[in-house]
Structure formats: C-alpha cells, structure tokens
Amino acid sequence: MKSRLILAFVFLSGCFFALSGCDGSAKEKAELQSKLAQLEETLKQTQSEKNKLQADATRLSQSLDKAKSELANVTQKRDELQKQVNELATSRREAQTAANNAQARIDELTAQLQKQAKVISELESQTNTVRSVIEQLEKKLDLASAR
C-alpha cells in the first residue's frame, strides 16, 4: 500500500510539473496543487498507520514470545506432574500387590489356626475323656483297695 501511494505521489507530481509548464490555466494549477496536498496528507496518514501497525506487530510478537515461554513452563510442569502420577500409580500397584499377598498369607494362617484350634479342641475332648477314665479307674482302685 505504501509503494502504491508513493507511486501515485510520484505520478501526480510528475503530472503537476509537466502540466505546470503548459499553458494551463491557474485553475488547473490550483487543482493539481490541491491534489498534491491531499496526496501528501494521505502519505503522512499512511506512514502514521504503518508506524502504529509496526508497533502493534512488535507488541504482538513480544506477547507471542511470552505465551510460548509460559506454554513451555506449563508443559514442563505437566510432564513433572505426569511423572509423579506414574510413580504414584506404580507405588499403588506395588502396595496393592503387597496387600493382596498379605491377605493371602492372613487367609492361610487363619485356615491353619482353625485347623489347630480344631485339633486342640479334639485333644481337649480326648484329654477330658482320658481324665474321666482315669477318675473312674481311680475310683475303682479306691473301691478295690478299700475292700
């Protein structure tokens, strides 16, 4: 757009100078001078807009760089957190395995305890039976010795 305006400015300036040498009327000269002034004003406005756009582009570029930096930081934090999540998941699986193994051992020991309790109960029953027989024999012995 800048190059078009400059080209138009140069063209109109050339026309102005070319026509000013002709036997043109003062009216044509005034019109050309007016158009030249308008073109100069338009050129100034265009340059001003260009400067503003360049400032905006610089600001946007800085903002983009900042956003990229923040994204890199967030990505790094996410990766660190993901690593922690993976470690925790592994620890959880290991703890679950250990808990399952412990429960299996508890179940095994409970079954063994129940068997031993049953054996103890049977032995107590047999002991009671033996004591009862011994008491009866002692009574018979006492009766036999008393006779």
N, C-alpha and C. Protein backbone atom coordinates (compact mmCIF):
# COMPACT_ATOMS: atom_id res chain seq x y z
N MET A 1 0.84 -1.17 0.00
CA MET A 1 0.00 0.00 0.00
C MET A 1 0.88 1.24 0.00
N LYS A 2 1.98 1.21 0.74
CA LYS A 2 2.89 2.33 0.80
C LYS A 2 3.50 2.60 -0.58
N SER A 3 3.89 1.52 -1.23
CA SER A 3 4.51 1.69 -2.54
C SER A 3 3.51 2.26 -3.55
N ARG A 4 2.24 1.90 -3.43
CA ARG A 4 1.22 2.43 -4.33
C ARG A 4 1.05 3.94 -4.13
N LEU A 5 1.06 4.31 -2.84
CA LEU A 5 0.89 5.74 -2.55
C LEU A 5 2.09 6.54 -3.04
N ILE A 6 3.25 5.99 -2.84
CA ILE A 6 4.46 6.68 -3.30
C ILE A 6 4.44 6.78 -4.82
N LEU A 7 4.06 5.69 -5.47
CA LEU A 7 3.98 5.69 -6.93
C LEU A 7 2.95 6.72 -7.41
N ALA A 8 1.80 6.75 -6.73
CA ALA A 8 0.77 7.72 -7.10
C ALA A 8 1.28 9.14 -6.87
N PHE A 9 1.99 9.33 -5.76
CA PHE A 9 2.54 10.65 -5.44
C PHE A 9 3.54 11.09 -6.51
N VAL A 10 4.42 10.16 -6.88
CA VAL A 10 5.41 10.48 -7.91
C VAL A 10 4.71 10.77 -9.24
N PHE A 11 3.71 9.95 -9.58
CA PHE A 11 2.98 10.15 -10.85
C PHE A 11 2.29 11.51 -10.88
N LEU A 12 1.59 11.80 -9.79
CA LEU A 12 0.87 13.08 -9.76
C LEU A 12 1.84 14.25 -9.72
N SER A 13 2.95 14.07 -9.02
CA SER A 13 3.96 15.15 -9.00
C SER A 13 4.49 15.37 -10.41
N GLY A 14 4.75 14.26 -11.11
CA GLY A 14 5.22 14.38 -12.49
C GLY A 14 4.18 15.08 -13.36
N CYS A 15 2.93 14.69 -13.18
CA CYS A 15 1.86 15.34 -13.94
C CYS A 15 1.80 16.83 -13.60
N PHE A 16 1.94 17.12 -12.34
CA PHE A 16 1.88 18.52 -11.90
C PHE A 16 2.98 19.34 -12.55
N PHE A 17 4.19 18.79 -12.52
CA PHE A 17 5.30 19.52 -13.12
C PHE A 17 5.16 19.60 -14.64
N ALA A 18 4.67 18.53 -15.24
CA ALA A 18 4.51 18.53 -16.69
C ALA A 18 3.46 19.54 -17.10
N LEU A 19 2.38 19.58 -16.35
CA LEU A 19 1.30 20.48 -16.71
C LEU A 19 1.60 21.92 -16.32
N SER A 20 2.43 22.09 -15.35
CA SER A 20 2.74 23.46 -14.94
C SER A 20 3.54 24.19 -16.03
N GLY A 21 4.24 23.42 -16.84
CA GLY A 21 4.99 24.02 -17.93
C GLY A 21 4.09 24.37 -19.11
N CYS A 22 2.92 23.78 -19.18
CA CYS A 22 1.99 24.05 -20.28
C CYS A 22 1.28 25.35 -20.02
N ASP A 23 0.59 25.76 -21.02
CA ASP A 23 -0.19 26.98 -20.89
C ASP A 23 -1.53 26.65 -20.23
N GLY A 24 -1.48 26.05 -19.09
CA GLY A 24 -2.71 25.72 -18.41
C GLY A 24 -3.20 26.91 -17.63
N SER A 25 -4.38 26.81 -17.27
CA SER A 25 -4.97 27.90 -16.52
C SER A 25 -4.54 27.83 -15.06
N ALA A 26 -4.75 28.86 -14.39
CA ALA A 26 -4.43 28.93 -12.97
C ALA A 26 -5.33 27.98 -12.19
N LYS A 27 -6.50 27.74 -12.75
CA LYS A 27 -7.46 26.84 -12.10
C LYS A 27 -6.89 25.42 -12.08
N GLU A 28 -6.35 24.98 -13.21
CA GLU A 28 -5.77 23.64 -13.28
C GLU A 28 -4.59 23.51 -12.33
N LYS A 29 -3.79 24.60 -12.27
CA LYS A 29 -2.65 24.60 -11.36
C LYS A 29 -3.14 24.44 -9.93
N ALA A 30 -4.15 25.16 -9.58
CA ALA A 30 -4.69 25.12 -8.22
C ALA A 30 -5.23 23.73 -7.90
N GLU A 31 -5.90 23.13 -8.90
CA GLU A 31 -6.45 21.78 -8.69
C GLU A 31 -5.32 20.77 -8.46
N LEU A 32 -4.29 20.90 -9.29
CA LEU A 32 -3.16 19.99 -9.14
C LEU A 32 -2.44 20.19 -7.81
N GLN A 33 -2.31 21.44 -7.41
CA GLN A 33 -1.68 21.70 -6.12
C GLN A 33 -2.53 21.14 -4.98
N SER A 34 -3.83 21.27 -5.12
CA SER A 34 -4.75 20.74 -4.11
C SER A 34 -4.64 19.22 -4.04
N LYS A 35 -4.60 18.58 -5.23
CA LYS A 35 -4.46 17.12 -5.25
C LYS A 35 -3.13 16.69 -4.66
N LEU A 36 -2.06 17.47 -4.96
CA LEU A 36 -0.74 17.17 -4.41
C LEU A 36 -0.76 17.28 -2.89
N ALA A 37 -1.41 18.29 -2.37
CA ALA A 37 -1.51 18.48 -0.92
C ALA A 37 -2.29 17.31 -0.29
N GLN A 38 -3.36 16.90 -0.98
CA GLN A 38 -4.16 15.76 -0.48
C GLN A 38 -3.31 14.49 -0.45
N LEU A 39 -2.54 14.30 -1.53
CA LEU A 39 -1.68 13.12 -1.58
C LEU A 39 -0.61 13.15 -0.49
N GLU A 40 -0.06 14.32 -0.24
CA GLU A 40 0.93 14.44 0.82
C GLU A 40 0.30 14.13 2.18
N GLU A 41 -0.91 14.61 2.41
CA GLU A 41 -1.62 14.33 3.67
C GLU A 41 -1.93 12.84 3.79
N THR A 42 -2.38 12.24 2.69
CA THR A 42 -2.67 10.80 2.69
C THR A 42 -1.39 10.01 2.96
N LEU A 43 -0.28 10.45 2.39
CA LEU A 43 1.01 9.79 2.62
C LEU A 43 1.38 9.86 4.10
N LYS A 44 1.20 11.02 4.71
CA LYS A 44 1.50 11.17 6.14
C LYS A 44 0.63 10.24 6.98
N GLN A 45 -0.66 10.18 6.66
CA GLN A 45 -1.58 9.31 7.41
C GLN A 45 -1.18 7.84 7.25
N THR A 46 -0.82 7.51 6.00
CA THR A 46 -0.43 6.13 5.74
C THR A 46 0.83 5.77 6.51
N GLN A 47 1.78 6.67 6.55
CA GLN A 47 3.01 6.41 7.30
C GLN A 47 2.72 6.30 8.79
N SER A 48 1.82 7.15 9.28
CA SER A 48 1.42 7.08 10.68
C SER A 48 0.77 5.73 11.00
N GLU A 49 -0.13 5.28 10.13
CA GLU A 49 -0.78 3.98 10.31
C GLU A 49 0.24 2.85 10.25
N LYS A 50 1.20 3.00 9.33
CA LYS A 50 2.26 1.99 9.21
C LYS A 50 3.05 1.89 10.51
N ASN A 51 3.40 3.04 11.07
CA ASN A 51 4.14 3.05 12.34
C ASN A 51 3.34 2.40 13.46
N LYS A 52 2.04 2.70 13.49
CA LYS A 52 1.18 2.09 14.51
C LYS A 52 1.11 0.58 14.32
N LEU A 53 0.97 0.14 13.07
CA LEU A 53 0.91 -1.29 12.79
C LEU A 53 2.21 -1.99 13.15
N GLN A 54 3.34 -1.31 12.89
CA GLN A 54 4.62 -1.89 13.26
C GLN A 54 4.73 -2.02 14.78
N ALA A 55 4.26 -1.00 15.51
CA ALA A 55 4.28 -1.06 16.97
C ALA A 55 3.38 -2.20 17.47
N ASP A 56 2.21 -2.32 16.85
CA ASP A 56 1.30 -3.42 17.21
C ASP A 56 1.94 -4.77 16.92
N ALA A 57 2.62 -4.88 15.78
CA ALA A 57 3.27 -6.15 15.41
C ALA A 57 4.37 -6.48 16.41
N THR A 58 5.13 -5.48 16.84
CA THR A 58 6.18 -5.70 17.84
C THR A 58 5.57 -6.15 19.17
N ARG A 59 4.50 -5.46 19.57
CA ARG A 59 3.83 -5.83 20.83
C ARG A 59 3.27 -7.25 20.74
N LEU A 60 2.65 -7.59 19.61
CA LEU A 60 2.10 -8.93 19.43
C LEU A 60 3.21 -9.99 19.41
N SER A 61 4.33 -9.66 18.82
CA SER A 61 5.46 -10.58 18.78
C SER A 61 5.98 -10.84 20.18
N GLN A 62 6.08 -9.78 20.98
CA GLN A 62 6.52 -9.94 22.37
C GLN A 62 5.51 -10.76 23.16
N SER A 63 4.24 -10.50 22.92
CA SER A 63 3.18 -11.25 23.60
C SER A 63 3.24 -12.73 23.21
N LEU A 64 3.50 -12.99 21.93
CA LEU A 64 3.62 -14.37 21.46
C LEU A 64 4.82 -15.06 22.11
N ASP A 65 5.94 -14.36 22.20
CA ASP A 65 7.13 -14.93 22.85
C ASP A 65 6.85 -15.25 24.31
N LYS A 66 6.14 -14.35 24.99
CA LYS A 66 5.79 -14.58 26.39
C LYS A 66 4.86 -15.79 26.51
N ALA A 67 3.88 -15.88 25.63
CA ALA A 67 2.95 -17.01 25.65
C ALA A 67 3.68 -18.32 25.39
N LYS A 68 4.64 -18.31 24.46
CA LYS A 68 5.42 -19.52 24.19
C LYS A 68 6.23 -19.92 25.41
N SER A 69 6.80 -18.95 26.09
CA SER A 69 7.58 -19.22 27.30
C SER A 69 6.68 -19.82 28.38
N GLU A 70 5.51 -19.22 28.55
CA GLU A 70 4.57 -19.74 29.55
C GLU A 70 4.10 -21.15 29.19
N LEU A 71 3.88 -21.37 27.90
CA LEU A 71 3.48 -22.71 27.45
C LEU A 71 4.57 -23.72 27.74
N ALA A 72 5.82 -23.34 27.51
CA ALA A 72 6.93 -24.24 27.80
C ALA A 72 6.98 -24.56 29.29
N ASN A 73 6.76 -23.55 30.14
CA ASN A 73 6.75 -23.78 31.59
C ASN A 73 5.61 -24.70 31.99
N VAL A 74 4.43 -24.45 31.44
CA VAL A 74 3.27 -25.28 31.76
C VAL A 74 3.49 -26.71 31.28
N THR A 75 4.07 -26.86 30.10
CA THR A 75 4.35 -28.19 29.57
C THR A 75 5.33 -28.93 30.46
N GLN A 76 6.36 -28.21 30.92
CA GLN A 76 7.35 -28.83 31.82
C GLN A 76 6.68 -29.26 33.12
N LYS A 77 5.86 -28.39 33.69
CA LYS A 77 5.15 -28.73 34.94
C LYS A 77 4.23 -29.94 34.72
N ARG A 78 3.53 -29.95 33.56
CA ARG A 78 2.65 -31.07 33.26
C ARG A 78 3.44 -32.37 33.18
N ASP A 79 4.60 -32.32 32.54
CA ASP A 79 5.43 -33.52 32.42
C ASP A 79 5.91 -33.99 33.79
N GLU A 80 6.29 -33.04 34.65
CA GLU A 80 6.71 -33.40 36.01
C GLU A 80 5.56 -34.04 36.78
N LEU A 81 4.38 -33.43 36.66
CA LEU A 81 3.21 -33.98 37.36
C LEU A 81 2.84 -35.36 36.81
N GLN A 82 2.96 -35.54 35.50
CA GLN A 82 2.66 -36.84 34.91
C GLN A 82 3.63 -37.88 35.42
N LYS A 83 4.90 -37.49 35.58
CA LYS A 83 5.90 -38.42 36.11
C LYS A 83 5.53 -38.81 37.54
N GLN A 84 5.10 -37.83 38.33
CA GLN A 84 4.67 -38.13 39.71
C GLN A 84 3.45 -39.05 39.71
N VAL A 85 2.51 -38.78 38.82
CA VAL A 85 1.31 -39.63 38.73
C VAL A 85 1.72 -41.06 38.39
N ASN A 86 2.64 -41.21 37.44
CA ASN A 86 3.11 -42.55 37.06
C ASN A 86 3.79 -43.24 38.24
N GLU A 87 4.63 -42.48 38.97
CA GLU A 87 5.30 -43.06 40.14
C GLU A 87 4.29 -43.48 41.20
N LEU A 88 3.29 -42.62 41.42
CA LEU A 88 2.26 -42.94 42.41
C LEU A 88 1.44 -44.16 41.98
N ALA A 89 1.15 -44.24 40.69
CA ALA A 89 0.40 -45.39 40.19
C ALA A 89 1.20 -46.68 40.39
N THR A 90 2.50 -46.61 40.13
CA THR A 90 3.37 -47.77 40.33
C THR A 90 3.40 -48.14 41.81
N SER A 91 3.55 -47.15 42.66
CA SER A 91 3.56 -47.40 44.11
C SER A 91 2.24 -48.00 44.57
N ARG A 92 1.15 -47.50 44.00
CA ARG A 92 -0.16 -48.02 44.36
C ARG A 92 -0.29 -49.49 43.95
N ARG A 93 0.16 -49.79 42.72
CA ARG A 93 0.10 -51.19 42.27
C ARG A 93 0.96 -52.09 43.17
N GLU A 94 2.15 -51.61 43.52
CA GLU A 94 3.02 -52.40 44.40
C GLU A 94 2.38 -52.58 45.77
N ALA A 95 1.77 -51.51 46.29
CA ALA A 95 1.10 -51.61 47.59
C ALA A 95 -0.09 -52.56 47.51
N GLN A 96 -0.83 -52.50 46.40
CA GLN A 96 -1.96 -53.40 46.22
C GLN A 96 -1.50 -54.86 46.16
N THR A 97 -0.40 -55.09 45.45
CA THR A 97 0.16 -56.44 45.37
C THR A 97 0.59 -56.92 46.76
N ALA A 98 1.26 -56.03 47.49
CA ALA A 98 1.70 -56.39 48.85
C ALA A 98 0.49 -56.66 49.75
N ALA A 99 -0.55 -55.86 49.61
CA ALA A 99 -1.76 -56.06 50.41
C ALA A 99 -2.43 -57.38 50.04
N ASN A 100 -2.48 -57.70 48.75
CA ASN A 100 -3.06 -58.96 48.32
C ASN A 100 -2.25 -60.14 48.86
N ASN A 101 -0.94 -60.03 48.79
CA ASN A 101 -0.07 -61.09 49.32
C ASN A 101 -0.27 -61.24 50.83
N ALA A 102 -0.37 -60.10 51.53
CA ALA A 102 -0.58 -60.14 52.97
C ALA A 102 -1.94 -60.78 53.29
N GLN A 103 -2.97 -60.43 52.51
CA GLN A 103 -4.29 -61.01 52.75
C GLN A 103 -4.27 -62.50 52.50
N ALA A 104 -3.56 -62.91 51.46
CA ALA A 104 -3.45 -64.36 51.18
C ALA A 104 -2.76 -65.06 52.33
N ARG A 105 -1.69 -64.43 52.86
CA ARG A 105 -0.97 -65.03 54.00
C ARG A 105 -1.87 -65.07 55.23
N ILE A 106 -2.65 -64.00 55.45
CA ILE A 106 -3.59 -63.96 56.58
C ILE A 106 -4.61 -65.08 56.44
N ASP A 107 -5.16 -65.24 55.22
CA ASP A 107 -6.13 -66.30 54.99
C ASP A 107 -5.50 -67.67 55.26
N GLU A 108 -4.28 -67.85 54.81
CA GLU A 108 -3.57 -69.12 55.02
C GLU A 108 -3.35 -69.38 56.51
N LEU A 109 -2.90 -68.35 57.23
CA LEU A 109 -2.67 -68.50 58.67
C LEU A 109 -3.98 -68.70 59.43
N THR A 110 -5.05 -68.03 58.96
CA THR A 110 -6.36 -68.21 59.60
C THR A 110 -6.83 -69.65 59.44
N ALA A 111 -6.67 -70.19 58.24
CA ALA A 111 -7.06 -71.59 57.99
C ALA A 111 -6.23 -72.53 58.86
N GLN A 112 -4.93 -72.23 58.94
CA GLN A 112 -4.04 -73.06 59.76
C GLN A 112 -4.45 -72.95 61.24
N LEU A 113 -4.79 -71.76 61.70
CA LEU A 113 -5.22 -71.55 63.08
C LEU A 113 -6.51 -72.32 63.36
N GLN A 114 -7.44 -72.28 62.39
CA GLN A 114 -8.70 -73.00 62.57
C GLN A 114 -8.44 -74.51 62.67
N LYS A 115 -7.53 -75.01 61.84
CA LYS A 115 -7.19 -76.43 61.92
C LYS A 115 -6.57 -76.75 63.27
N GLN A 116 -5.66 -75.90 63.73
CA GLN A 116 -5.02 -76.14 65.01
C GLN A 116 -6.02 -76.01 66.16
N ALA A 117 -6.95 -75.08 66.03
CA ALA A 117 -7.98 -74.93 67.06
C ALA A 117 -8.85 -76.18 67.11
N LYS A 118 -9.15 -76.73 65.94
CA LYS A 118 -9.94 -77.97 65.88
C LYS A 118 -9.16 -79.12 66.51
N VAL A 119 -7.86 -79.20 66.20
CA VAL A 119 -7.02 -80.26 66.78
C VAL A 119 -6.96 -80.09 68.29
N ILE A 120 -6.80 -78.84 68.75
CA ILE A 120 -6.74 -78.57 70.19
C ILE A 120 -8.06 -78.96 70.84
N SER A 121 -9.15 -78.62 70.18
CA SER A 121 -10.47 -78.98 70.71
C SER A 121 -10.61 -80.50 70.82
N GLU A 122 -10.16 -81.20 69.77
CA GLU A 122 -10.24 -82.67 69.80
C GLU A 122 -9.34 -83.23 70.90
N LEU A 123 -8.14 -82.63 71.04
CA LEU A 123 -7.23 -83.09 72.10
C LEU A 123 -7.80 -82.82 73.48
N GLU A 124 -8.44 -81.64 73.64
CA GLU A 124 -9.07 -81.33 74.93
C GLU A 124 -10.18 -82.34 75.22
N SER A 125 -10.94 -82.67 74.17
CA SER A 125 -12.01 -83.65 74.34
C SER A 125 -11.43 -85.00 74.74
N GLN A 126 -10.36 -85.40 74.04
CA GLN A 126 -9.71 -86.67 74.38
C GLN A 126 -9.11 -86.62 75.79
N THR A 127 -8.53 -85.46 76.14
CA THR A 127 -7.96 -85.30 77.48
C THR A 127 -9.06 -85.42 78.52
N ASN A 128 -10.20 -84.81 78.26
CA ASN A 128 -11.32 -84.90 79.20
C ASN A 128 -11.80 -86.36 79.31
N THR A 129 -11.83 -87.03 78.15
CA THR A 129 -12.25 -88.43 78.18
C THR A 129 -11.25 -89.26 78.98
N VAL A 130 -9.95 -89.01 78.74
CA VAL A 130 -8.91 -89.75 79.47
C VAL A 130 -9.01 -89.43 80.96
N ARG A 131 -9.21 -88.18 81.33
CA ARG A 131 -9.35 -87.81 82.75
C ARG A 131 -10.55 -88.53 83.37
N SER A 132 -11.63 -88.53 82.59
CA SER A 132 -12.83 -89.21 83.09
C SER A 132 -12.54 -90.69 83.32
N VAL A 133 -11.83 -91.32 82.37
CA VAL A 133 -11.49 -92.74 82.51
C VAL A 133 -10.57 -92.92 83.70
N ILE A 134 -9.61 -92.01 83.86
CA ILE A 134 -8.65 -92.09 84.98
C ILE A 134 -9.40 -91.95 86.29
N GLU A 135 -10.32 -91.01 86.35
CA GLU A 135 -11.10 -90.82 87.58
C GLU A 135 -11.90 -92.08 87.90
N GLN A 136 -12.49 -92.67 86.85
CA GLN A 136 -13.25 -93.89 87.08
C GLN A 136 -12.33 -95.02 87.56
N LEU A 137 -11.16 -95.09 86.93
CA LEU A 137 -10.21 -96.13 87.35
C LEU A 137 -9.72 -95.88 88.77
N GLU A 138 -9.49 -94.61 89.11
CA GLU A 138 -9.05 -94.29 90.47
C GLU A 138 -10.14 -94.67 91.46
N LYS A 139 -11.40 -94.40 91.08
CA LYS A 139 -12.50 -94.76 91.97
C LYS A 139 -12.56 -96.27 92.14
N LYS A 140 -12.38 -96.99 91.02
CA LYS A 140 -12.40 -98.46 91.10
C LYS A 140 -11.24 -98.94 91.93
N LEU A 141 -10.09 -98.29 91.76
CA LEU A 141 -8.91 -98.68 92.55
C LEU A 141 -9.17 -98.38 94.01
N ASP A 142 -9.74 -97.25 94.29
CA ASP A 142 -10.03 -96.90 95.68
C ASP A 142 -11.03 -97.89 96.26
N LEU A 143 -12.02 -98.28 95.46
CA LEU A 143 -13.01 -99.25 95.93
C LEU A 143 -12.34 -100.61 96.11
N ALA A 144 -11.49 -101.00 95.20
CA ALA A 144 -10.83 -102.29 95.26
C ALA A 144 -9.85 -102.29 96.41
N SER A 145 -9.15 -101.20 96.66
CA SER A 145 -8.22 -101.20 97.76
C SER A 145 -8.98 -101.10 99.08
N ALA A 146 -10.11 -100.52 99.08
CA ALA A 146 -10.90 -100.40 100.31
C ALA A 146 -11.50 -101.77 100.66
N ARG A 147 -11.63 -102.64 99.85
CA ARG A 147 -12.22 -103.95 100.12
C ARG A 147 -11.20 -104.83 100.61
